[in-house]
PDB file of N, CA and C in Angstrom:
ATOM      1  N   UNK A   1      40.327  12.790 -57.163  1.00  0.00           N
ATOM      2  CA  UNK A   1      41.364  12.663 -56.692  1.00  0.00           C
ATOM      3  C   UNK A   1      41.264  12.436 -54.729  1.00  0.00           C
ATOM      4  N   UNK A   2      42.489  11.926 -54.202  1.00  0.00           N
ATOM      5  CA  UNK A   2      42.194  11.786 -53.046  1.00  0.00           C
ATOM      6  C   UNK A   2      42.168  13.048 -52.318  1.00  0.00           C
ATOM      7  N   UNK A   3      41.602  12.868 -51.230  1.00  0.00           N
ATOM      8  CA  UNK A   3      41.571  14.059 -50.130  1.00  0.00           C
ATOM      9  C   UNK A   3      42.894  14.340 -49.714  1.00  0.00           C
ATOM     10  N   UNK A   4      43.681  13.523 -49.489  1.00  0.00           N
ATOM     11  CA  UNK A   4      45.041  13.996 -49.106  1.00  0.00           C
ATOM     12  C   UNK A   4      46.034  14.171 -50.235  1.00  0.00           C
ATOM     13  N   UNK A   5      46.062  15.483 -50.589  1.00  0.00           N
ATOM     14  CA  UNK A   5      47.112  15.757 -51.650  1.00  0.00           C
ATOM     15  C   UNK A   5      47.403  17.085 -51.642  1.00  0.00           C
ATOM     16  N   UNK A   6      48.458  17.143 -52.324  1.00  0.00           N
ATOM     17  CA  UNK A   6      49.421  18.887 -52.238  1.00  0.00           C
ATOM     18  C   UNK A   6      49.633  18.856 -53.796  1.00  0.00           C
ATOM     19  N   UNK A   7      49.288  20.569 -53.641  1.00  0.00           N
ATOM     20  CA  UNK A   7      49.505  21.168 -55.056  1.00  0.00           C
ATOM     21  C   UNK A   7      50.901  21.184 -55.169  1.00  0.00           C
ATOM     22  N   UNK A   8      51.495  20.825 -56.685  1.00  0.00           N
ATOM     23  CA  UNK A   8      53.022  21.565 -56.527  1.00  0.00           C
ATOM     24  C   UNK A   8      53.211  22.912 -56.785  1.00  0.00           C
ATOM     25  N   UNK A   9      54.577  23.179 -56.621  1.00  0.00           N
ATOM     26  CA  UNK A   9      55.295  24.211 -56.495  1.00  0.00           C
ATOM     27  C   UNK A   9      55.003  25.434 -57.871  1.00  0.00           C
ATOM     28  N   UNK A  10      54.639  24.371 -59.256  1.00  0.00           N
ATOM     29  CA  UNK A  10      54.465  24.953 -60.456  1.00  0.00           C
ATOM     30  C   UNK A  10      53.084  25.796 -60.896  1.00  0.00           C
ATOM     31  N   UNK A  11      53.613  26.946 -60.711  1.00  0.00           N
ATOM     32  CA  UNK A  11      52.312  27.649 -60.632  1.00  0.00           C
ATOM     33  C   UNK A  11      51.830  27.775 -62.292  1.00  0.00           C
ATOM     34  N   UNK A  12      52.270  27.483 -63.040  1.00  0.00           N
ATOM     35  CA  UNK A  12      51.804  27.574 -64.874  1.00  0.00           C
ATOM     36  C   UNK A  12      50.913  26.340 -64.500  1.00  0.00           C
ATOM     37  N   UNK A  13      50.760  25.292 -64.069  1.00  0.00           N
ATOM     38  CA  UNK A  13      49.882  24.380 -64.534  1.00  0.00           C
ATOM     39  C   UNK A  13      49.950  23.822 -62.866  1.00  0.00           C
ATOM     40  N   UNK A  14      48.670  23.903 -62.334  1.00  0.00           N
ATOM     41  CA  UNK A  14      48.339  23.406 -60.808  1.00  0.00           C
ATOM     42  C   UNK A  14      48.022  21.883 -60.859  1.00  0.00           C
ATOM     43  N   UNK A  15      48.729  21.004 -60.821  1.00  0.00           N
ATOM     44  CA  UNK A  15      48.682  19.455 -60.467  1.00  0.00           C
ATOM     45  C   UNK A  15      48.795  19.156 -59.104  1.00  0.00           C
ATOM     46  N   UNK A  16      48.013  18.222 -59.054  1.00  0.00           N
ATOM     47  CA  UNK A  16      47.810  17.585 -57.645  1.00  0.00           C
ATOM     48  C   UNK A  16      48.623  16.292 -57.577  1.00  0.00           C
ATOM     49  N   UNK A  17      49.542  15.976 -56.634  1.00  0.00           N
ATOM     50  CA  UNK A  17      50.344  14.917 -56.132  1.00  0.00           C
ATOM     51  C   UNK A  17      49.703  14.343 -55.181  1.00  0.00           C
ATOM     52  N   UNK A  18      49.420  13.098 -55.594  1.00  0.00           N
ATOM     53  CA  UNK A  18      48.317  12.516 -54.218  1.00  0.00           C
ATOM     54  C   UNK A  18      49.404  12.041 -53.122  1.00  0.00           C
ATOM     55  N   UNK A  19      49.223  11.956 -51.897  1.00  0.00           N
ATOM     56  CA  UNK A  19      50.020  11.349 -50.806  1.00  0.00           C
ATOM     57  C   UNK A  19      49.916  10.026 -50.549  1.00  0.00           C
ATOM     58  N   UNK A  20      50.938   9.151 -50.415  1.00  0.00           N
ATOM     59  CA  UNK A  20      50.678   7.865 -50.243  1.00  0.00           C
ATOM     60  C   UNK A  20      50.865   7.438 -48.905  1.00  0.00           C
ATOM     61  N   UNK A  21      50.233   6.371 -48.523  1.00  0.00           N
ATOM     62  CA  UNK A  21      50.220   5.809 -47.096  1.00  0.00           C
ATOM     63  C   UNK A  21      51.185   5.056 -46.760  1.00  0.00           C
ATOM     64  N   UNK A  22      51.956   4.489 -47.893  1.00  0.00           N
ATOM     65  CA  UNK A  22      53.206   3.623 -47.457  1.00  0.00           C
ATOM     66  C   UNK A  22      52.695   2.477 -46.624  1.00  0.00           C
ATOM     67  N   UNK A  23      51.397   1.756 -46.798  1.00  0.00           N
ATOM     68  CA  UNK A  23      51.120   0.663 -45.792  1.00  0.00           C
ATOM     69  C   UNK A  23      50.820   0.797 -44.471  1.00  0.00           C
ATOM     70  N   UNK A  24      51.017   2.234 -43.841  1.00  0.00           N
ATOM     71  CA  UNK A  24      50.748   2.422 -42.571  1.00  0.00           C
ATOM     72  C   UNK A  24      49.306   2.811 -42.249  1.00  0.00           C
ATOM     73  N   UNK A  25      48.758   2.423 -41.201  1.00  0.00           N
ATOM     74  CA  UNK A  25      47.369   2.701 -40.951  1.00  0.00           C
ATOM     75  C   UNK A  25      47.185   3.958 -40.620  1.00  0.00           C
ATOM     76  N   UNK A  26      46.002   4.593 -40.820  1.00  0.00           N
ATOM     77  CA  UNK A  26      45.703   6.242 -40.603  1.00  0.00           C
ATOM     78  C   UNK A  26      45.543   6.240 -39.169  1.00  0.00           C
ATOM     79  N   UNK A  27      46.298   7.476 -38.294  1.00  0.00           N
ATOM     80  CA  UNK A  27      45.997   7.652 -37.051  1.00  0.00           C
ATOM     81  C   UNK A  27      44.958   8.016 -36.922  1.00  0.00           C
ATOM     82  N   UNK A  28      44.394   7.579 -35.658  1.00  0.00           N
ATOM     83  CA  UNK A  28      43.060   7.878 -35.213  1.00  0.00           C
ATOM     84  C   UNK A  28      43.041   8.334 -33.969  1.00  0.00           C
ATOM     85  N   UNK A  29      42.230   9.427 -33.644  1.00  0.00           N
ATOM     86  CA  UNK A  29      42.269  10.327 -32.434  1.00  0.00           C
ATOM     87  C   UNK A  29      41.147   9.346 -31.453  1.00  0.00           C
ATOM     88  N   UNK A  30      41.598   8.943 -30.623  1.00  0.00           N
ATOM     89  CA  UNK A  30      40.759   8.195 -29.583  1.00  0.00           C
ATOM     90  C   UNK A  30      40.257   8.903 -28.235  1.00  0.00           C
ATOM     91  N   UNK A  31      39.333   9.507 -28.064  1.00  0.00           N
ATOM     92  CA  UNK A  31      38.863  10.362 -26.707  1.00  0.00           C
ATOM     93  C   UNK A  31      38.207   9.241 -26.053  1.00  0.00           C
ATOM     94  N   UNK A  32      38.629   9.159 -24.760  1.00  0.00           N
ATOM     95  CA  UNK A  32      37.931   8.135 -23.712  1.00  0.00           C
ATOM     96  C   UNK A  32      37.697   9.238 -22.545  1.00  0.00           C
ATOM     97  N   UNK A  33      36.733   9.106 -21.728  1.00  0.00           N
ATOM     98  CA  UNK A  33      36.514   9.831 -20.750  1.00  0.00           C
ATOM     99  C   UNK A  33      37.302   8.899 -19.569  1.00  0.00           C
ATOM    100  N   UNK A  34      37.969   9.884 -18.487  1.00  0.00           N
ATOM    101  CA  UNK A  34      38.550   9.315 -17.596  1.00  0.00           C
ATOM    102  C   UNK A  34      37.607   8.390 -16.516  1.00  0.00           C
ATOM    103  N   UNK A  35      38.178   7.464 -15.863  1.00  0.00           N
ATOM    104  CA  UNK A  35      37.470   6.868 -14.688  1.00  0.00           C
ATOM    105  C   UNK A  35      37.218   7.428 -13.415  1.00  0.00           C
ATOM    106  N   UNK A  36      37.934   8.587 -13.373  1.00  0.00           N
ATOM    107  CA  UNK A  36      38.157   9.361 -12.122  1.00  0.00           C
ATOM    108  C   UNK A  36      37.632  10.821 -12.072  1.00  0.00           C
ATOM    109  N   UNK A  37      36.348  11.169 -11.568  1.00  0.00           N
ATOM    110  CA  UNK A  37      35.833  12.389 -11.777  1.00  0.00           C
ATOM    111  C   UNK A  37      36.813  13.787 -11.975  1.00  0.00           C
ATOM    112  N   UNK A  38      36.598  14.748 -12.530  1.00  0.00           N
ATOM    113  CA  UNK A  38      37.225  15.730 -12.900  1.00  0.00           C
ATOM    114  C   UNK A  38      37.411  16.583 -11.651  1.00  0.00           C
ATOM    115  N   UNK A  39      36.481  16.556 -10.770  1.00  0.00           N
ATOM    116  CA  UNK A  39      36.690  17.531  -9.727  1.00  0.00           C
ATOM    117  C   UNK A  39      37.754  16.656  -8.652  1.00  0.00           C
ATOM    118  N   UNK A  40      37.860  15.440  -8.754  1.00  0.00           N
ATOM    119  CA  UNK A  40      39.047  14.904  -8.007  1.00  0.00           C
ATOM    120  C   UNK A  40      40.154  15.083  -8.772  1.00  0.00           C
ATOM    121  N   UNK A  41      40.298  14.693  -9.643  1.00  0.00           N
ATOM    122  CA  UNK A  41      41.737  15.138 -10.504  1.00  0.00           C
ATOM    123  C   UNK A  41      42.262  16.348  -9.866  1.00  0.00           C
ATOM    124  N   UNK A  42      41.473  17.571 -10.334  1.00  0.00           N
ATOM    125  CA  UNK A  42      41.639  18.950  -9.910  1.00  0.00           C
ATOM    126  C   UNK A  42      41.960  19.216  -8.456  1.00  0.00           C
ATOM    127  N   UNK A  43      41.368  18.475  -7.691  1.00  0.00           N
ATOM    128  CA  UNK A  43      41.595  18.521  -6.269  1.00  0.00           C
ATOM    129  C   UNK A  43      42.921  17.875  -5.749  1.00  0.00           C
ATOM    130  N   UNK A  44      43.179  17.006  -6.554  1.00  0.00           N
ATOM    131  CA  UNK A  44      44.407  16.203  -6.081  1.00  0.00           C
ATOM    132  C   UNK A  44      45.698  17.129  -6.391  1.00  0.00           C
ATOM    133  N   UNK A  45      45.405  17.639  -7.899  1.00  0.00           N
ATOM    134  CA  UNK A  45      46.781  18.166  -8.113  1.00  0.00           C
ATOM    135  C   UNK A  45      46.730  19.713  -7.054  1.00  0.00           C
ATOM    136  N   UNK A  46      45.881  20.289  -6.978  1.00  0.00           N
ATOM    137  CA  UNK A  46      45.778  21.521  -5.798  1.00  0.00           C
ATOM    138  C   UNK A  46      46.327  20.813  -4.599  1.00  0.00           C
ATOM    139  N   UNK A  47      45.774  19.775  -4.077  1.00  0.00           N
ATOM    140  CA  UNK A  47      46.493  19.453  -2.647  1.00  0.00           C
ATOM    141  C   UNK A  47      47.679  19.009  -2.768  1.00  0.00           C
ATOM    142  N   UNK A  48      48.540  18.212  -3.901  1.00  0.00           N
ATOM    143  CA  UNK A  48      49.596  18.183  -4.016  1.00  0.00           C
ATOM    144  C   UNK A  48      50.720  19.364  -4.089  1.00  0.00           C
ATOM    145  N   UNK A  49      50.093  20.464  -4.896  1.00  0.00           N
ATOM    146  CA  UNK A  49      50.812  21.372  -5.058  1.00  0.00           C
ATOM    147  C   UNK A  49      50.860  22.489  -3.875  1.00  0.00           C
ATOM    148  N   UNK A  50      49.915  22.572  -3.196  1.00  0.00           N
ATOM    149  CA  UNK A  50      49.812  23.004  -2.176  1.00  0.00           C
ATOM    150  C   UNK A  50      50.976  22.295  -0.528  1.00  0.00           C
ATOM    151  N   UNK A  51      50.950  20.955  -0.792  1.00  0.00           N
ATOM    152  CA  UNK A  51      51.921  20.082  -0.182  1.00  0.00           C
ATOM    153  C   UNK A  51      53.246  20.354  -0.392  1.00  0.00           C
ATOM    154  N   UNK A  52      53.400  20.769  -1.998  1.00  0.00           N
ATOM    155  CA  UNK A  52      54.748  21.032  -2.455  1.00  0.00           C
ATOM    156  C   UNK A  52      55.548  22.263  -1.848  1.00  0.00           C
ATOM    157  N   UNK A  53      54.608  23.407  -1.753  1.00  0.00           N
ATOM    158  CA  UNK A  53      54.551  24.658  -1.338  1.00  0.00           C
ATOM    159  C   UNK A  53      55.247  24.433   0.092  1.00  0.00           C
ATOM    160  N   UNK A  54      54.401  23.809   0.811  1.00  0.00           N
ATOM    161  CA  UNK A  54      54.746  23.841   2.462  1.00  0.00           C
ATOM    162  C   UNK A  54      55.996  23.350   2.501  1.00  0.00           C
ATOM    163  N   UNK A  55      56.568  22.199   1.942  1.00  0.00           N
ATOM    164  CA  UNK A  55      57.804  21.514   1.926  1.00  0.00           C
ATOM    165  C   UNK A  55      58.959  22.498   1.315  1.00  0.00           C
ATOM    166  N   UNK A  56      58.595  23.237   0.626  1.00  0.00           N
ATOM    167  CA  UNK A  56      59.633  24.230   0.610  1.00  0.00           C
ATOM    168  C   UNK A  56      59.908  25.213   1.516  1.00  0.00           C
ATOM    169  N   UNK A  57      59.027  25.472   2.313  1.00  0.00           N
ATOM    170  CA  UNK A  57      59.441  26.263   3.449  1.00  0.00           C
ATOM    171  C   UNK A  57      60.751  26.517   4.499  1.00  0.00           C
ATOM    172  N   UNK A  58      60.936  24.965   4.777  1.00  0.00           N
ATOM    173  CA  UNK A  58      61.872  24.600   5.473  1.00  0.00           C
ATOM    174  C   UNK A  58      63.418  25.004   4.948  1.00  0.00           C
ATOM    175  N   UNK A  59      63.195  25.479   3.849  1.00  0.00           N
ATOM    176  CA  UNK A  59      64.664  25.808   2.834  1.00  0.00           C
ATOM    177  C   UNK A  59      64.928  27.425   3.395  1.00  0.00           C
ATOM    178  N   UNK A  60      63.917  27.637   3.507  1.00  0.00           N
ATOM    179  CA  UNK A  60      64.008  29.309   3.671  1.00  0.00           C
ATOM    180  C   UNK A  60      64.025  29.910   5.331  1.00  0.00           C
ATOM    181  N   UNK A  61      63.554  28.926   5.918  1.00  0.00           N
ATOM    182  CA  UNK A  61      63.532  29.154   7.613  1.00  0.00           C
ATOM    183  C   UNK A  61      64.923  30.074   7.899  1.00  0.00           C
ATOM    184  N   UNK A  62      66.178  29.898   7.711  1.00  0.00           N
ATOM    185  CA  UNK A  62      67.152  30.495   7.893  1.00  0.00           C
ATOM    186  C   UNK A  62      67.296  31.890   7.672  1.00  0.00           C
ATOM    187  N   UNK A  63      66.776  31.845   6.388  1.00  0.00           N
ATOM    188  CA  UNK A  63      67.209  33.212   5.506  1.00  0.00           C
ATOM    189  C   UNK A  63      65.958  34.287   6.197  1.00  0.00           C
ATOM    190  N   UNK A  64      64.825  33.606   6.392  1.00  0.00           N
ATOM    191  CA  UNK A  64      63.902  34.574   7.096  1.00  0.00           C
ATOM    192  C   UNK A  64      64.349  35.273   8.553  1.00  0.00           C
ATOM    193  N   UNK A  65      65.023  34.248   9.189  1.00  0.00           N
ATOM    194  CA  UNK A  65      65.532  34.647  10.936  1.00  0.00           C
ATOM    195  C   UNK A  65      66.926  35.006  10.714  1.00  0.00           C
ATOM    196  N   UNK A  66      67.400  35.307   9.715  1.00  0.00           N
ATOM    197  CA  UNK A  66      68.787  35.508   9.798  1.00  0.00           C
ATOM    198  C   UNK A  66      69.010  37.134  10.225  1.00  0.00           C
ATOM    199  N   UNK A  67      68.393  37.829   9.949  1.00  0.00           N
ATOM    200  CA  UNK A  67      68.620  39.303  10.469  1.00  0.00           C
ATOM    201  C   UNK A  67      68.265  39.342  12.093  1.00  0.00           C
ATOM    202  N   UNK A  68      67.525  38.667  12.353  1.00  0.00           N
ATOM    203  CA  UNK A  68      67.464  38.384  13.926  1.00  0.00           C
ATOM    204  C   UNK A  68      68.543  37.589  14.608  1.00  0.00           C
ATOM    205  N   UNK A  69      68.766  36.764  14.005  1.00  0.00           N
ATOM    206  CA  UNK A  69      70.089  35.914  14.336  1.00  0.00           C
ATOM    207  C   UNK A  69      71.315  36.950  14.631  1.00  0.00           C
ATOM    208  N   UNK A  70      71.388  37.566  13.566  1.00  0.00           N
ATOM    209  CA  UNK A  70      72.672  38.399  13.897  1.00  0.00           C
ATOM    210  C   UNK A  70      72.613  39.569  14.430  1.00  0.00           C
ATOM    211  N   UNK A  71      71.254  39.945  14.645  1.00  0.00           N
ATOM    212  CA  UNK A  71      71.277  40.812  15.802  1.00  0.00           C
ATOM    213  C   UNK A  71      71.624  40.407  17.197  1.00  0.00           C
ATOM    214  N   UNK A  72      71.156  39.442  17.520  1.00  0.00           N
ATOM    215  CA  UNK A  72      70.865  38.584  18.681  1.00  0.00           C
ATOM    216  C   UNK A  72      72.428  38.356  19.303  1.00  0.00           C
ATOM    217  N   UNK A  73      72.969  37.690  18.274  1.00  0.00           N
ATOM    218  CA  UNK A  73      74.267  36.982  18.573  1.00  0.00           C
ATOM    219  C   UNK A  73      75.353  38.199  18.367  1.00  0.00           C
ATOM    220  N   UNK A  74      75.104  39.110  17.639  1.00  0.00           N
ATOM    221  CA  UNK A  74      75.963  40.164  17.292  1.00  0.00           C
ATOM    222  C   UNK A  74      77.248  39.455  16.676  1.00  0.00           C
ATOM    223  N   UNK A  75      76.531  39.064  15.183  1.00  0.00           N
ATOM    224  CA  UNK A  75      77.409  38.741  14.277  1.00  0.00           C
ATOM    225  C   UNK A  75      77.342  39.247  12.839  1.00  0.00           C
ATOM    226  N   UNK A  76      78.620  39.171  12.149  1.00  0.00           N
ATOM    227  CA  UNK A  76      78.681  39.852  10.840  1.00  0.00           C
ATOM    228  C   UNK A  76      77.700  39.343   9.794  1.00  0.00           C
ATOM    229  N   UNK A  77      77.466  39.938   8.729  1.00  0.00           N
ATOM    230  CA  UNK A  77      76.733  39.341   7.590  1.00  0.00           C
ATOM    231  C   UNK A  77      77.622  38.170   7.226  1.00  0.00           C
ATOM    232  N   UNK A  78      78.806  38.558   7.085  1.00  0.00           N
ATOM    233  CA  UNK A  78      80.010  37.263   6.686  1.00  0.00           C
ATOM    234  C   UNK A  78      79.339  35.958   7.467  1.00  0.00           C
ATOM    235  N   UNK A  79      79.359  36.230   8.766  1.00  0.00           N
ATOM    236  CA  UNK A  79      78.933  34.657   9.466  1.00  0.00           C
ATOM    237  C   UNK A  79      77.594  34.467   9.246  1.00  0.00           C
ATOM    238  N   UNK A  80      76.580  35.236   9.186  1.00  0.00           N
ATOM    239  CA  UNK A  80      75.340  34.903   8.994  1.00  0.00           C
ATOM    240  C   UNK A  80      75.166  34.133   7.397  1.00  0.00           C
ATOM    241  N   UNK A  81      75.711  34.549   6.435  1.00  0.00           N
ATOM    242  CA  UNK A  81      76.139  33.795   5.374  1.00  0.00           C
ATOM    243  C   UNK A  81      76.461  32.381   5.524  1.00  0.00           C
ATOM    244  N   UNK A  82      77.799  32.222   6.566  1.00  0.00           N
ATOM    245  CA  UNK A  82      78.299  31.014   6.757  1.00  0.00           C
ATOM    246  C   UNK A  82      77.125  30.122   7.450  1.00  0.00           C
ATOM    247  N   UNK A  83      76.293  30.932   8.253  1.00  0.00           N
ATOM    248  CA  UNK A  83      75.203  29.983   8.893  1.00  0.00           C
ATOM    249  C   UNK A  83      74.292  29.512   8.081  1.00  0.00           C
ATOM    250  N   UNK A  84      73.719  30.273   7.215  1.00  0.00           N
ATOM    251  CA  UNK A  84      72.694  29.948   6.273  1.00  0.00           C
ATOM    252  C   UNK A  84      73.559  28.793   5.182  1.00  0.00           C
ATOM    253  N   UNK A  85      74.939  28.901   4.444  1.00  0.00           N
ATOM    254  CA  UNK A  85      75.683  27.893   3.663  1.00  0.00           C
ATOM    255  C   UNK A  85      75.776  26.307   4.623  1.00  0.00           C
ATOM    256  N   UNK A  86      75.996  26.722   5.770  1.00  0.00           N
ATOM    257  CA  UNK A  86      76.125  25.410   6.615  1.00  0.00           C
ATOM    258  C   UNK A  86      75.002  24.809   6.617  1.00  0.00           C
ATOM    259  N   UNK A  87      73.724  25.354   6.930  1.00  0.00           N
ATOM    260  CA  UNK A  87      72.366  24.728   7.057  1.00  0.00           C
ATOM    261  C   UNK A  87      72.122  24.220   5.568  1.00  0.00           C
ATOM    262  N   UNK A  88      72.133  24.835   4.630  1.00  0.00           N
ATOM    263  CA  UNK A  88      71.755  24.327   3.408  1.00  0.00           C
ATOM    264  C   UNK A  88      72.625  23.093   3.132  1.00  0.00           C
ATOM    265  N   UNK A  89      73.965  23.149   3.313  1.00  0.00           N
ATOM    266  CA  UNK A  89      74.821  21.953   2.885  1.00  0.00           C
ATOM    267  C   UNK A  89      74.526  20.667   3.755  1.00  0.00           C
ATOM    268  N   UNK A  90      74.192  20.665   5.238  1.00  0.00           N
ATOM    269  CA  UNK A  90      73.628  19.813   6.055  1.00  0.00           C
ATOM    270  C   UNK A  90      72.623  19.377   5.825  1.00  0.00           C
ATOM    271  N   UNK A  91      71.661  20.181   5.047  1.00  0.00           N
ATOM    272  CA  UNK A  91      70.099  19.780   4.734  1.00  0.00           C
ATOM    273  C   UNK A  91      70.453  18.759   3.626  1.00  0.00           C
ATOM    274  N   UNK A  92      71.418  18.988   2.395  1.00  0.00           N
ATOM    275  CA  UNK A  92      71.138  18.596   1.366  1.00  0.00           C
ATOM    276  C   UNK A  92      71.959  17.250   1.584  1.00  0.00           C
ATOM    277  N   UNK A  93      72.736  16.925   2.736  1.00  0.00           N
ATOM    278  CA  UNK A  93      73.563  15.783   2.608  1.00  0.00           C
ATOM    279  C   UNK A  93      72.769  14.721   3.501  1.00  0.00           C
ATOM    280  N   UNK A  94      71.939  15.440   4.274  1.00  0.00           N
ATOM    281  CA  UNK A  94      70.823  14.653   5.047  1.00  0.00           C
ATOM    282  C   UNK A  94      69.739  14.083   4.071  1.00  0.00           C
ATOM    283  N   UNK A  95      69.219  14.967   3.218  1.00  0.00           N
ATOM    284  CA  UNK A  95      68.412  14.466   2.106  1.00  0.00           C
ATOM    285  C   UNK A  95      68.937  13.326   1.276  1.00  0.00           C
ATOM    286  N   UNK A  96      70.160  13.349   0.844  1.00  0.00           N
ATOM    287  CA  UNK A  96      70.680  12.621   0.154  1.00  0.00           C
ATOM    288  C   UNK A  96      70.772  10.897   1.024  1.00  0.00           C
ATOM    289  N   UNK A  97      71.433  11.289   2.220  1.00  0.00           N
ATOM    290  CA  UNK A  97      71.276   9.906   2.798  1.00  0.00           C
ATOM    291  C   UNK A  97      70.355   9.351   3.209  1.00  0.00           C
ATOM    292  N   UNK A  98      68.851  10.276   3.573  1.00  0.00           N
ATOM    293  CA  UNK A  98      67.657   9.624   3.900  1.00  0.00           C
ATOM    294  C   UNK A  98      66.818   9.138   2.521  1.00  0.00           C
ATOM    295  N   UNK A  99      67.451   9.910   1.603  1.00  0.00           N
ATOM    296  CA  UNK A  99      66.639   9.379   0.159  1.00  0.00           C
ATOM    297  C   UNK A  99      67.163   7.839   0.101  1.00  0.00           C
ATOM    298  N   UNK A 100      68.455   7.505   0.214  1.00  0.00           N
ATOM    299  CA  UNK A 100      68.944   6.259   0.121  1.00  0.00           C
ATOM    300  C   UNK A 100      68.510   5.423   0.780  1.00  0.00           C
ATOM    301  N   UNK A 101      68.308   5.883   2.174  1.00  0.00           N
ATOM    302  CA  UNK A 101      67.985   4.645   3.434  1.00  0.00           C
ATOM    303  C   UNK A 101      66.624   4.565   2.897  1.00  0.00           C
ATOM    304  N   UNK A 102      65.371   5.506   2.358  1.00  0.00           N
ATOM    305  CA  UNK A 102      64.320   5.077   2.052  1.00  0.00           C
ATOM    306  C   UNK A 102      64.067   4.327   0.841  1.00  0.00           C
ATOM    307  N   UNK A 103      65.106   4.279  -0.174  1.00  0.00           N
ATOM    308  CA  UNK A 103      65.143   3.464  -1.515  1.00  0.00           C
ATOM    309  C   UNK A 103      65.281   2.063  -1.227  1.00  0.00           C
ATOM    310  N   UNK A 104      66.274   1.897   0.198  1.00  0.00           N
ATOM    311  CA  UNK A 104      66.362   0.197   0.539  1.00  0.00           C
ATOM    312  C   UNK A 104      65.672  -0.046   1.235  1.00  0.00           C
ATOM    313  N   UNK A 105      64.632   0.500   2.324  1.00  0.00           N
ATOM    314  CA  UNK A 105      63.580  -0.097   2.657  1.00  0.00           C
ATOM    315  C   UNK A 105      62.142  -0.326   1.975  1.00  0.00           C
ATOM    316  N   UNK A 106      61.924  -1.635   2.507  1.00  0.00           N
ATOM    317  CA  UNK A 106      60.206  -1.813   1.829  1.00  0.00           C
ATOM    318  C   UNK A 106      59.320  -0.624   2.518  1.00  0.00           C
ATOM    319  N   UNK A 107      58.319  -0.598   1.514  1.00  0.00           N
ATOM    320  CA  UNK A 107      57.230   0.267   2.206  1.00  0.00           C
ATOM    321  C   UNK A 107      56.114  -0.535   2.817  1.00  0.00           C
ATOM    322  N   UNK A 108      56.123  -1.842   3.018  1.00  0.00           N
ATOM    323  CA  UNK A 108      54.978  -2.910   3.769  1.00  0.00           C
ATOM    324  C   UNK A 108      55.563  -3.262   4.764  1.00  0.00           C
TER     325      UNK A 108
END
């Protein structure tokens, strides 16, 4: 019998039903070594992850200094929240505009 077969659910007679290939080729596992050394791949991912972490810091600058701003300017938490909201809205609008400009400019 073919090694690729299943047993039917009838327990009284354990018959095997062969699986058909239906004309398709057998899937083959291809393993190939990458031309880039492992240490370089790992270090690239680590460096890109750290850079991504550093680019996230600018989004939290106002949240970190907000209590000092509130104390220095003697403003309430409501106004402090408005400052944080205004910063994020301006940040997002600038990202969209700069992203659109960057997409239209050539890199060369």
